[in-house]
């Protein structure tokens, strides 16, 4: 695995040579997905892009993620991806 950067996040190159962010891969494992569902992202709770610890990552809907970055607040509604999102 070759370490690199993607959008200023820690990343790696997969077998096909595509850059993947490390925090997204950890989030996929944490939430038991092969791929993060469409419309969702993995967010760093403490805002530190280099802190990819399991407990520091949370699955959020893109709208909630945008709201968090605009308001600098982590108060969100609980949303679960539907079966169709997997």
Protein backbone atom coordinates (compact mmCIF):
# COMPACT_ATOMS: atom_id res chain seq x y z
CA UNK A 1 0.00 0.00 0.00
CA UNK A 2 1.51 3.28 -1.11
CA UNK A 3 0.70 6.24 1.19
CA UNK A 4 -0.22 9.49 -0.53
CA UNK A 5 -2.54 12.50 -0.08
CA UNK A 6 -6.00 13.15 -1.52
CA UNK A 7 -7.83 16.41 -0.84
CA UNK A 8 -5.39 17.02 2.03
CA UNK A 9 -6.41 13.74 3.72
CA UNK A 10 -4.19 10.73 4.37
CA UNK A 11 -4.73 8.34 1.49
CA UNK A 12 -3.45 5.23 -0.23
CA UNK A 13 -3.53 3.77 -3.72
CA UNK A 14 -5.69 0.69 -4.17
CA UNK A 15 -4.85 -2.26 -6.44
CA UNK A 16 -6.14 -0.36 -9.49
CA UNK A 17 -4.01 2.69 -8.63
CA UNK A 18 -6.97 4.82 -7.49
CA UNK A 19 -6.46 7.10 -4.50
CA UNK A 20 -8.68 6.29 -1.51
CA UNK A 21 -8.84 8.20 1.75
CA UNK A 22 -7.81 6.23 4.82
CA UNK A 23 -10.59 7.68 6.99
CA UNK A 24 -13.22 6.53 4.48
CA UNK A 25 -11.81 3.00 4.48
CA UNK A 26 -11.80 2.89 8.27
CA UNK A 27 -15.38 4.23 8.28
CA UNK A 28 -16.45 1.50 5.84
CA UNK A 29 -15.06 -1.12 8.20
CA UNK A 30 -16.58 0.56 11.28
CA UNK A 31 -20.07 0.67 9.75
CA UNK A 32 -19.75 -2.68 7.91
CA UNK A 33 -19.96 -1.34 4.35
CA UNK A 34 -17.99 -2.38 1.29
CA UNK A 35 -18.43 1.22 0.14
CA UNK A 36 -19.84 4.30 1.89
CA UNK A 37 -23.49 4.64 0.74
CA UNK A 38 -24.33 7.33 -1.80
CA UNK A 39 -25.15 10.61 -0.10
CA UNK A 40 -23.11 9.83 3.02
CA UNK A 41 -19.58 10.78 4.13
CA UNK A 42 -17.20 9.99 6.97
CA UNK A 43 -16.52 12.99 9.23
CA UNK A 44 -13.66 13.54 11.70
CA UNK A 45 -15.40 14.40 14.99
CA UNK A 46 -12.42 16.37 16.35
CA UNK A 47 -11.82 18.13 12.97
CA UNK A 48 -8.28 16.70 12.79
CA UNK A 49 -7.87 15.22 9.29
CA UNK A 50 -4.91 13.16 10.51
CA UNK A 51 -6.80 11.57 13.43
CA UNK A 52 -8.22 8.48 11.77
CA UNK A 53 -8.89 6.61 15.00
CA UNK A 54 -12.01 4.45 14.90
CA UNK A 55 -13.83 6.41 17.63
CA UNK A 56 -13.12 9.76 15.92
CA UNK A 57 -15.02 8.93 12.72
CA UNK A 58 -18.77 9.22 12.19
CA UNK A 59 -21.02 8.43 9.24
CA UNK A 60 -23.09 11.47 8.23
CA UNK A 61 -25.50 12.41 5.49
CA UNK A 62 -23.92 15.00 3.18
CA UNK A 63 -26.51 17.63 4.21
CA UNK A 64 -25.66 17.16 7.90
CA UNK A 65 -21.95 17.22 7.09
CA UNK A 66 -22.32 20.51 5.24
CA UNK A 67 -24.38 21.96 8.13
CA UNK A 68 -21.67 20.94 10.61
CA UNK A 69 -18.98 22.70 8.62
CA UNK A 70 -21.11 25.82 8.17
CA UNK A 71 -22.15 26.07 11.84
CA UNK A 72 -19.05 24.48 13.43
CA UNK A 73 -21.43 22.39 15.54
CA UNK A 74 -21.83 18.61 15.74
CA UNK A 75 -25.52 18.70 16.66
CA UNK A 76 -27.23 16.52 14.07
CA UNK A 77 -30.26 14.32 13.50
CA UNK A 78 -29.67 10.58 13.56
CA UNK A 79 -29.96 9.17 10.05
CA UNK A 80 -29.43 5.59 9.02
CA UNK A 81 -28.75 4.68 5.38
CA UNK A 82 -31.57 2.67 3.87
CA UNK A 83 -31.01 -0.84 2.49
CA UNK A 84 -31.09 0.63 -1.03
CA UNK A 85 -28.07 2.88 -0.17
CA UNK A 86 -25.80 -0.12 0.43
